[in-house]
Amino acid sequence: MNFVVPKLEVLDLSNTNVDDDETLYVISKNCSGILELRLINCDWVIEKGVKDVVENCKQQRQIVLRGSHISDEIRELAMDASFSSVLKLI
């Protein structure tokens, strides 16, 4: 994917298939101004992708995750002090 959207503030990927590292990595690199990322009912969101968004989108305020397939790694990440203020598991 070749796109840059630095002023995008909210991205709702709810009910989509975000199941690889690459998707969230590309978003984190090309949508650097994102404030909120919604991943509701996205099966198999991967820890590395979530870390990429938190680390590369410095203005990020909230990543909302809700769904039945949240991995143990994502749950542990939500408890980590450097991620807990941004990552919301519902």
PDB file of N, CA and C in Angstrom:
ATOM      1  N   MET A   1       0.838  -1.173   0.000  1.00  0.00           N
ATOM      2  CA  MET A   1       0.000   0.000   0.000  1.00  0.00           C
ATOM      3  C   MET A   1       0.883   1.235   0.000  1.00  0.00           C
ATOM      4  N   ASN A   2       0.496   2.192  -0.801  1.00  0.00           N
ATOM      5  CA  ASN A   2       1.276   3.409  -0.914  1.00  0.00           C
ATOM      6  C   ASN A   2       0.359   4.606  -0.723  1.00  0.00           C
ATOM      7  N   PHE A   3       0.253   5.077   0.502  1.00  0.00           N
ATOM      8  CA  PHE A   3      -0.598   6.219   0.801  1.00  0.00           C
ATOM      9  C   PHE A   3      -0.055   6.919   2.039  1.00  0.00           C
ATOM     10  N   VAL A   4      -0.346   8.205   2.157  1.00  0.00           N
ATOM     11  CA  VAL A   4       0.013   8.957   3.353  1.00  0.00           C
ATOM     12  C   VAL A   4      -1.175   9.836   3.713  1.00  0.00           C
ATOM     13  N   VAL A   5      -1.657   9.699   4.938  1.00  0.00           N
ATOM     14  CA  VAL A   5      -2.807  10.470   5.403  1.00  0.00           C
ATOM     15  C   VAL A   5      -2.464  11.013   6.797  1.00  0.00           C
ATOM     16  N   PRO A   6      -1.581  12.019   6.869  1.00  0.00           N
ATOM     17  CA  PRO A   6      -1.104  12.480   8.169  1.00  0.00           C
ATOM     18  C   PRO A   6      -2.155  13.193   9.017  1.00  0.00           C
ATOM     19  N   LYS A   7      -3.238  13.655   8.409  1.00  0.00           N
ATOM     20  CA  LYS A   7      -4.247  14.400   9.166  1.00  0.00           C
ATOM     21  C   LYS A   7      -5.448  13.550   9.568  1.00  0.00           C
ATOM     22  N   LEU A   8      -5.445  12.293   9.204  1.00  0.00           N
ATOM     23  CA  LEU A   8      -6.515  11.390   9.622  1.00  0.00           C
ATOM     24  C   LEU A   8      -6.461  11.240  11.138  1.00  0.00           C
ATOM     25  N   GLU A   9      -7.575  11.502  11.818  1.00  0.00           N
ATOM     26  CA  GLU A   9      -7.586  11.461  13.280  1.00  0.00           C
ATOM     27  C   GLU A   9      -8.288  10.239  13.858  1.00  0.00           C
ATOM     28  N   VAL A  10      -9.328   9.756  13.197  1.00  0.00           N
ATOM     29  CA  VAL A  10     -10.073   8.600  13.697  1.00  0.00           C
ATOM     30  C   VAL A  10     -10.186   7.581  12.569  1.00  0.00           C
ATOM     31  N   LEU A  11      -9.833   6.350  12.874  1.00  0.00           N
ATOM     32  CA  LEU A  11      -9.950   5.272  11.899  1.00  0.00           C
ATOM     33  C   LEU A  11     -10.710   4.128  12.559  1.00  0.00           C
ATOM     34  N   ASP A  12     -11.832   3.776  11.976  1.00  0.00           N
ATOM     35  CA  ASP A  12     -12.678   2.714  12.507  1.00  0.00           C
ATOM     36  C   ASP A  12     -12.580   1.504  11.584  1.00  0.00           C
ATOM     37  N   LEU A  13     -11.865   0.495  12.028  1.00  0.00           N
ATOM     38  CA  LEU A  13     -11.723  -0.747  11.267  1.00  0.00           C
ATOM     39  C   LEU A  13     -12.586  -1.859  11.858  1.00  0.00           C
ATOM     40  N   SER A  14     -13.579  -1.476  12.620  1.00  0.00           N
ATOM     41  CA  SER A  14     -14.454  -2.453  13.269  1.00  0.00           C
ATOM     42  C   SER A  14     -15.080  -3.399  12.251  1.00  0.00           C
ATOM     43  N   ASN A  15     -15.211  -4.649  12.674  1.00  0.00           N
ATOM     44  CA  ASN A  15     -15.827  -5.701  11.854  1.00  0.00           C
ATOM     45  C   ASN A  15     -15.066  -5.983  10.568  1.00  0.00           C
ATOM     46  N   THR A  16     -13.764  -5.757  10.588  1.00  0.00           N
ATOM     47  CA  THR A  16     -12.926  -6.111   9.442  1.00  0.00           C
ATOM     48  C   THR A  16     -11.924  -7.175   9.879  1.00  0.00           C
ATOM     49  N   ASN A  17     -11.204  -7.718   8.934  1.00  0.00           N
ATOM     50  CA  ASN A  17     -10.245  -8.775   9.211  1.00  0.00           C
ATOM     51  C   ASN A  17      -8.841  -8.177   9.301  1.00  0.00           C
ATOM     52  N   VAL A  18      -8.441  -7.797  10.494  1.00  0.00           N
ATOM     53  CA  VAL A  18      -7.100  -7.267  10.737  1.00  0.00           C
ATOM     54  C   VAL A  18      -6.332  -8.381  11.431  1.00  0.00           C
ATOM     55  N   ASP A  19      -5.683  -9.232  10.646  1.00  0.00           N
ATOM     56  CA  ASP A  19      -5.090 -10.427  11.238  1.00  0.00           C
ATOM     57  C   ASP A  19      -3.616 -10.611  10.907  1.00  0.00           C
ATOM     58  N   ASP A  20      -2.945  -9.519  10.542  1.00  0.00           N
ATOM     59  CA  ASP A  20      -1.517  -9.639  10.286  1.00  0.00           C
ATOM     60  C   ASP A  20      -0.788  -8.402  10.807  1.00  0.00           C
ATOM     61  N   ASP A  21       0.516  -8.519  10.951  1.00  0.00           N
ATOM     62  CA  ASP A  21       1.321  -7.396  11.429  1.00  0.00           C
ATOM     63  C   ASP A  21       1.340  -6.249  10.432  1.00  0.00           C
ATOM     64  N   GLU A  22       1.328  -6.567   9.176  1.00  0.00           N
ATOM     65  CA  GLU A  22       1.537  -5.570   8.123  1.00  0.00           C
ATOM     66  C   GLU A  22       0.450  -4.496   8.081  1.00  0.00           C
ATOM     67  N   THR A  23      -0.801  -4.870   8.259  1.00  0.00           N
ATOM     68  CA  THR A  23      -1.903  -3.908   8.159  1.00  0.00           C
ATOM     69  C   THR A  23      -1.733  -2.760   9.142  1.00  0.00           C
ATOM     70  N   LEU A  24      -1.561  -3.068  10.416  1.00  0.00           N
ATOM     71  CA  LEU A  24      -1.436  -2.015  11.417  1.00  0.00           C
ATOM     72  C   LEU A  24      -0.095  -1.295  11.307  1.00  0.00           C
ATOM     73  N   TYR A  25       0.936  -1.991  10.857  1.00  0.00           N
ATOM     74  CA  TYR A  25       2.234  -1.331  10.649  1.00  0.00           C
ATOM     75  C   TYR A  25       2.114  -0.254   9.572  1.00  0.00           C
ATOM     76  N   VAL A  26       1.501  -0.580   8.450  1.00  0.00           N
ATOM     77  CA  VAL A  26       1.332   0.388   7.355  1.00  0.00           C
ATOM     78  C   VAL A  26       0.488   1.569   7.825  1.00  0.00           C
ATOM     79  N   ILE A  27      -0.570   1.291   8.556  1.00  0.00           N
ATOM     80  CA  ILE A  27      -1.399   2.375   9.095  1.00  0.00           C
ATOM     81  C   ILE A  27      -0.562   3.252  10.026  1.00  0.00           C
ATOM     82  N   SER A  28       0.233   2.637  10.883  1.00  0.00           N
ATOM     83  CA  SER A  28       1.029   3.412  11.843  1.00  0.00           C
ATOM     84  C   SER A  28       2.060   4.298  11.156  1.00  0.00           C
ATOM     85  N   LYS A  29       2.587   3.867  10.044  1.00  0.00           N
ATOM     86  CA  LYS A  29       3.597   4.644   9.318  1.00  0.00           C
ATOM     87  C   LYS A  29       2.987   5.735   8.447  1.00  0.00           C
ATOM     88  N   ASN A  30       1.780   5.514   7.938  1.00  0.00           N
ATOM     89  CA  ASN A  30       1.199   6.438   6.965  1.00  0.00           C
ATOM     90  C   ASN A  30       0.083   7.317   7.514  1.00  0.00           C
ATOM     91  N   CYS A  31      -0.364   7.028   8.705  1.00  0.00           N
ATOM     92  CA  CYS A  31      -1.421   7.830   9.343  1.00  0.00           C
ATOM     93  C   CYS A  31      -0.904   8.302  10.700  1.00  0.00           C
ATOM     94  N   SER A  32       0.177   9.033  10.691  1.00  0.00           N
ATOM     95  CA  SER A  32       0.888   9.387  11.923  1.00  0.00           C
ATOM     96  C   SER A  32       0.099  10.291  12.858  1.00  0.00           C
ATOM     97  N   GLY A  33      -0.914  10.975  12.365  1.00  0.00           N
ATOM     98  CA  GLY A  33      -1.697  11.883  13.199  1.00  0.00           C
ATOM     99  C   GLY A  33      -2.915  11.252  13.828  1.00  0.00           C
ATOM    100  N   ILE A  34      -3.062   9.950  13.677  1.00  0.00           N
ATOM    101  CA  ILE A  34      -4.262   9.282  14.175  1.00  0.00           C
ATOM    102  C   ILE A  34      -4.369   9.415  15.696  1.00  0.00           C
ATOM    103  N   LEU A  35      -5.555   9.749  16.156  1.00  0.00           N
ATOM    104  CA  LEU A  35      -5.821   9.917  17.583  1.00  0.00           C
ATOM    105  C   LEU A  35      -6.558   8.718  18.164  1.00  0.00           C
ATOM    106  N   GLU A  36      -7.420   8.117  17.357  1.00  0.00           N
ATOM    107  CA  GLU A  36      -8.218   6.989  17.840  1.00  0.00           C
ATOM    108  C   GLU A  36      -8.324   5.929  16.761  1.00  0.00           C
ATOM    109  N   LEU A  37      -8.061   4.694  17.151  1.00  0.00           N
ATOM    110  CA  LEU A  37      -8.184   3.546  16.264  1.00  0.00           C
ATOM    111  C   LEU A  37      -9.171   2.583  16.902  1.00  0.00           C
ATOM    112  N   ARG A  38     -10.226   2.263  16.171  1.00  0.00           N
ATOM    113  CA  ARG A  38     -11.254   1.343  16.685  1.00  0.00           C
ATOM    114  C   ARG A  38     -11.111  -0.004  15.986  1.00  0.00           C
ATOM    115  N   LEU A  39     -10.934  -1.023  16.780  1.00  0.00           N
ATOM    116  CA  LEU A  39     -10.793  -2.390  16.278  1.00  0.00           C
ATOM    117  C   LEU A  39     -11.811  -3.277  16.992  1.00  0.00           C
ATOM    118  N   ILE A  40     -13.072  -2.954  16.818  1.00  0.00           N
ATOM    119  CA  ILE A  40     -14.148  -3.681  17.491  1.00  0.00           C
ATOM    120  C   ILE A  40     -14.587  -4.851  16.616  1.00  0.00           C
ATOM    121  N   ASN A  41     -14.624  -6.024  17.221  1.00  0.00           N
ATOM    122  CA  ASN A  41     -14.981  -7.260  16.511  1.00  0.00           C
ATOM    123  C   ASN A  41     -14.045  -7.561  15.351  1.00  0.00           C
ATOM    124  N   CYS A  42     -12.791  -7.219  15.512  1.00  0.00           N
ATOM    125  CA  CYS A  42     -11.758  -7.590  14.538  1.00  0.00           C
ATOM    126  C   CYS A  42     -11.070  -8.836  15.077  1.00  0.00           C
ATOM    127  N   ASP A  43     -11.280  -9.939  14.417  1.00  0.00           N
ATOM    128  CA  ASP A  43     -10.707 -11.189  14.893  1.00  0.00           C
ATOM    129  C   ASP A  43      -9.192 -11.195  14.746  1.00  0.00           C
ATOM    130  N   TRP A  44      -8.539 -11.692  15.769  1.00  0.00           N
ATOM    131  CA  TRP A  44      -7.121 -11.997  15.750  1.00  0.00           C
ATOM    132  C   TRP A  44      -6.210 -10.794  15.526  1.00  0.00           C
ATOM    133  N   VAL A  45      -6.498  -9.693  16.190  1.00  0.00           N
ATOM    134  CA  VAL A  45      -5.573  -8.560  16.162  1.00  0.00           C
ATOM    135  C   VAL A  45      -4.280  -9.009  16.833  1.00  0.00           C
ATOM    136  N   ILE A  46      -3.148  -8.667  16.231  1.00  0.00           N
ATOM    137  CA  ILE A  46      -1.847  -9.155  16.683  1.00  0.00           C
ATOM    138  C   ILE A  46      -1.131  -8.093  17.512  1.00  0.00           C
ATOM    139  N   GLU A  47      -0.475  -8.540  18.572  1.00  0.00           N
ATOM    140  CA  GLU A  47       0.223  -7.651  19.502  1.00  0.00           C
ATOM    141  C   GLU A  47       1.200  -6.718  18.797  1.00  0.00           C
ATOM    142  N   LYS A  48       1.994  -7.229  17.879  1.00  0.00           N
ATOM    143  CA  LYS A  48       2.991  -6.402  17.201  1.00  0.00           C
ATOM    144  C   LYS A  48       2.336  -5.234  16.475  1.00  0.00           C
ATOM    145  N   GLY A  49       1.218  -5.461  15.838  1.00  0.00           N
ATOM    146  CA  GLY A  49       0.519  -4.393  15.131  1.00  0.00           C
ATOM    147  C   GLY A  49       0.045  -3.298  16.071  1.00  0.00           C
ATOM    148  N   VAL A  50      -0.461  -3.695  17.235  1.00  0.00           N
ATOM    149  CA  VAL A  50      -0.910  -2.720  18.230  1.00  0.00           C
ATOM    150  C   VAL A  50       0.283  -1.917  18.741  1.00  0.00           C
ATOM    151  N   LYS A  51       1.397  -2.593  19.009  1.00  0.00           N
ATOM    152  CA  LYS A  51       2.611  -1.896  19.452  1.00  0.00           C
ATOM    153  C   LYS A  51       3.071  -0.893  18.401  1.00  0.00           C
ATOM    154  N   ASP A  52       3.033  -1.281  17.134  1.00  0.00           N
ATOM    155  CA  ASP A  52       3.441  -0.371  16.054  1.00  0.00           C
ATOM    156  C   ASP A  52       2.623   0.908  16.079  1.00  0.00           C
ATOM    157  N   VAL A  53       1.321   0.781  16.256  1.00  0.00           N
ATOM    158  CA  VAL A  53       0.455   1.968  16.276  1.00  0.00           C
ATOM    159  C   VAL A  53       0.793   2.852  17.473  1.00  0.00           C
ATOM    160  N   VAL A  54       0.950   2.264  18.643  1.00  0.00           N
ATOM    161  CA  VAL A  54       1.260   3.054  19.839  1.00  0.00           C
ATOM    162  C   VAL A  54       2.615   3.740  19.691  1.00  0.00           C
ATOM    163  N   GLU A  55       3.599   3.032  19.168  1.00  0.00           N
ATOM    164  CA  GLU A  55       4.948   3.584  19.068  1.00  0.00           C
ATOM    165  C   GLU A  55       5.109   4.588  17.931  1.00  0.00           C
ATOM    166  N   ASN A  56       4.408   4.407  16.827  1.00  0.00           N
ATOM    167  CA  ASN A  56       4.600   5.274  15.659  1.00  0.00           C
ATOM    168  C   ASN A  56       3.610   6.421  15.562  1.00  0.00           C
ATOM    169  N   CYS A  57       2.499   6.313  16.219  1.00  0.00           N
ATOM    170  CA  CYS A  57       1.490   7.385  16.203  1.00  0.00           C
ATOM    171  C   CYS A  57       1.567   8.100  17.548  1.00  0.00           C
ATOM    172  N   LYS A  58       2.452   9.051  17.645  1.00  0.00           N
ATOM    173  CA  LYS A  58       2.774   9.698  18.921  1.00  0.00           C
ATOM    174  C   LYS A  58       1.597  10.445  19.534  1.00  0.00           C
ATOM    175  N   GLN A  59       0.637  10.862  18.714  1.00  0.00           N
ATOM    176  CA  GLN A  59      -0.515  11.591  19.228  1.00  0.00           C
ATOM    177  C   GLN A  59      -1.659  10.661  19.643  1.00  0.00           C
ATOM    178  N   GLN A  60      -1.471   9.388  19.419  1.00  0.00           N
ATOM    179  CA  GLN A  60      -2.507   8.390  19.693  1.00  0.00           C
ATOM    180  C   GLN A  60      -3.051   8.534  21.105  1.00  0.00           C
ATOM    181  N   ARG A  61      -4.351   8.629  21.216  1.00  0.00           N
ATOM    182  CA  ARG A  61      -4.990   8.735  22.528  1.00  0.00           C
ATOM    183  C   ARG A  61      -5.697   7.454  22.927  1.00  0.00           C
ATOM    184  N   GLN A  62      -6.205   6.732  21.921  1.00  0.00           N
ATOM    185  CA  GLN A  62      -7.007   5.566  22.279  1.00  0.00           C
ATOM    186  C   GLN A  62      -7.034   4.541  21.155  1.00  0.00           C
ATOM    187  N   ILE A  63      -6.820   3.295  21.524  1.00  0.00           N
ATOM    188  CA  ILE A  63      -7.061   2.153  20.647  1.00  0.00           C
ATOM    189  C   ILE A  63      -8.135   1.333  21.352  1.00  0.00           C
ATOM    190  N   VAL A  64      -9.262   1.178  20.702  1.00  0.00           N
ATOM    191  CA  VAL A  64     -10.386   0.459  21.307  1.00  0.00           C
ATOM    192  C   VAL A  64     -10.450  -0.936  20.699  1.00  0.00           C
ATOM    193  N   LEU A  65     -10.327  -1.941  21.552  1.00  0.00           N
ATOM    194  CA  LEU A  65     -10.413  -3.335  21.130  1.00  0.00           C
ATOM    195  C   LEU A  65     -11.577  -3.993  21.853  1.00  0.00           C
ATOM    196  N   ARG A  66     -12.442  -4.612  21.094  1.00  0.00           N
ATOM    197  CA  ARG A  66     -13.524  -5.399  21.690  1.00  0.00           C
ATOM    198  C   ARG A  66     -13.788  -6.566  20.750  1.00  0.00           C
ATOM    199  N   GLY A  67     -13.910  -7.725  21.296  1.00  0.00           N
ATOM    200  CA  GLY A  67     -14.179  -8.895  20.476  1.00  0.00           C
ATOM    201  C   GLY A  67     -13.783 -10.156  21.207  1.00  0.00           C
ATOM    202  N   SER A  68     -14.160 -11.256  20.665  1.00  0.00           N
ATOM    203  CA  SER A  68     -13.958 -12.518  21.364  1.00  0.00           C
ATOM    204  C   SER A  68     -12.576 -13.115  21.163  1.00  0.00           C
ATOM    205  N   HIS A  69     -11.777 -12.574  20.259  1.00  0.00           N
ATOM    206  CA  HIS A  69     -10.479 -13.180  19.960  1.00  0.00           C
ATOM    207  C   HIS A  69      -9.313 -12.265  20.322  1.00  0.00           C
ATOM    208  N   ILE A  70      -9.396 -11.602  21.466  1.00  0.00           N
ATOM    209  CA  ILE A  70      -8.286 -10.775  21.925  1.00  0.00           C
ATOM    210  C   ILE A  70      -7.280 -11.713  22.584  1.00  0.00           C
ATOM    211  N   SER A  71      -6.074 -11.727  22.074  1.00  0.00           N
ATOM    212  CA  SER A  71      -5.066 -12.674  22.550  1.00  0.00           C
ATOM    213  C   SER A  71      -4.599 -12.336  23.963  1.00  0.00           C
ATOM    214  N   ASP A  72      -3.995 -13.312  24.613  1.00  0.00           N
ATOM    215  CA  ASP A  72      -3.418 -13.089  25.938  1.00  0.00           C
ATOM    216  C   ASP A  72      -2.317 -12.035  25.868  1.00  0.00           C
ATOM    217  N   GLU A  73      -1.572 -12.018  24.763  1.00  0.00           N
ATOM    218  CA  GLU A  73      -0.505 -11.031  24.593  1.00  0.00           C
ATOM    219  C   GLU A  73      -1.063  -9.612  24.570  1.00  0.00           C
ATOM    220  N   ILE A  74      -2.203  -9.425  23.911  1.00  0.00           N
ATOM    221  CA  ILE A  74      -2.842  -8.102  23.870  1.00  0.00           C
ATOM    222  C   ILE A  74      -3.322  -7.729  25.273  1.00  0.00           C
ATOM    223  N   ARG A  75      -3.882  -8.683  25.992  1.00  0.00           N
ATOM    224  CA  ARG A  75      -4.339  -8.411  27.363  1.00  0.00           C
ATOM    225  C   ARG A  75      -3.162  -8.000  28.253  1.00  0.00           C
ATOM    226  N   GLU A  76      -2.029  -8.679  28.112  1.00  0.00           N
ATOM    227  CA  GLU A  76      -0.833  -8.324  28.882  1.00  0.00           C
ATOM    228  C   GLU A  76      -0.329  -6.941  28.493  1.00  0.00           C
ATOM    229  N   LEU A  77      -0.376  -6.636  27.217  1.00  0.00           N
ATOM    230  CA  LEU A  77       0.052  -5.330  26.727  1.00  0.00           C
ATOM    231  C   LEU A  77      -0.808  -4.224  27.333  1.00  0.00           C
ATOM    232  N   ALA A  78      -2.087  -4.473  27.488  1.00  0.00           N
ATOM    233  CA  ALA A  78      -3.000  -3.478  28.057  1.00  0.00           C
ATOM    234  C   ALA A  78      -2.659  -3.177  29.511  1.00  0.00           C
ATOM    235  N   MET A  79      -2.010  -4.109  30.184  1.00  0.00           N
ATOM    236  CA  MET A  79      -1.630  -3.892  31.581  1.00  0.00           C
ATOM    237  C   MET A  79      -0.261  -3.232  31.718  1.00  0.00           C
ATOM    238  N   ASP A  80       0.512  -3.209  30.641  1.00  0.00           N
ATOM    239  CA  ASP A  80       1.831  -2.573  30.648  1.00  0.00           C
ATOM    240  C   ASP A  80       1.660  -1.063  30.823  1.00  0.00           C
ATOM    241  N   ALA A  81       2.432  -0.468  31.696  1.00  0.00           N
ATOM    242  CA  ALA A  81       2.284   0.961  32.017  1.00  0.00           C
ATOM    243  C   ALA A  81       2.414   1.860  30.801  1.00  0.00           C
ATOM    244  N   SER A  82       3.278   1.512  29.860  1.00  0.00           N
ATOM    245  CA  SER A  82       3.479   2.380  28.699  1.00  0.00           C
ATOM    246  C   SER A  82       2.347   2.286  27.681  1.00  0.00           C
ATOM    247  N   PHE A  83       1.488   1.288  27.803  1.00  0.00           N
ATOM    248  CA  PHE A  83       0.388   1.117  26.861  1.00  0.00           C
ATOM    249  C   PHE A  83      -0.987   1.296  27.511  1.00  0.00           C
ATOM    250  N   SER A  84      -1.070   1.171  28.820  1.00  0.00           N
ATOM    251  CA  SER A  84      -2.370   1.127  29.490  1.00  0.00           C
ATOM    252  C   SER A  84      -3.198   2.394  29.328  1.00  0.00           C
ATOM    253  N   SER A  85      -2.558   3.536  29.163  1.00  0.00           N
ATOM    254  CA  SER A  85      -3.332   4.773  29.015  1.00  0.00           C
ATOM    255  C   SER A  85      -3.960   4.893  27.633  1.00  0.00           C
ATOM    256  N   VAL A  86      -3.456   4.146  26.669  1.00  0.00           N
ATOM    257  CA  VAL A  86      -3.937   4.230  25.287  1.00  0.00           C
ATOM    258  C   VAL A  86      -4.835   3.055  24.925  1.00  0.00           C
ATOM    259  N   LEU A  87      -4.482   1.878  25.338  1.00  0.00           N
ATOM    260  CA  LEU A  87      -5.151   0.651  24.908  1.00  0.00           C
ATOM    261  C   LEU A  87      -6.346   0.347  25.803  1.00  0.00           C
ATOM    262  N   LYS A  88      -7.536   0.305  25.210  1.00  0.00           N
ATOM    263  CA  LYS A  88      -8.772   0.040  25.946  1.00  0.00           C
ATOM    264  C   LYS A  88      -9.382  -1.272  25.465  1.00  0.00           C
ATOM    265  N   LEU A  89      -9.476  -2.232  26.363  1.00  0.00           N
ATOM    266  CA  LEU A  89     -10.130  -3.502  26.056  1.00  0.00           C
ATOM    267  C   LEU A  89     -11.530  -3.446  26.630  1.00  0.00           C
ATOM    268  N   ILE A  90     -12.507  -3.654  25.773  1.00  0.00           N
ATOM    269  CA  ILE A  90     -13.905  -3.573  26.202  1.00  0.00           C
ATOM    270  C   ILE A  90     -14.527  -4.952  26.118  1.00  0.00           C
TER     271      ILE A  90
END
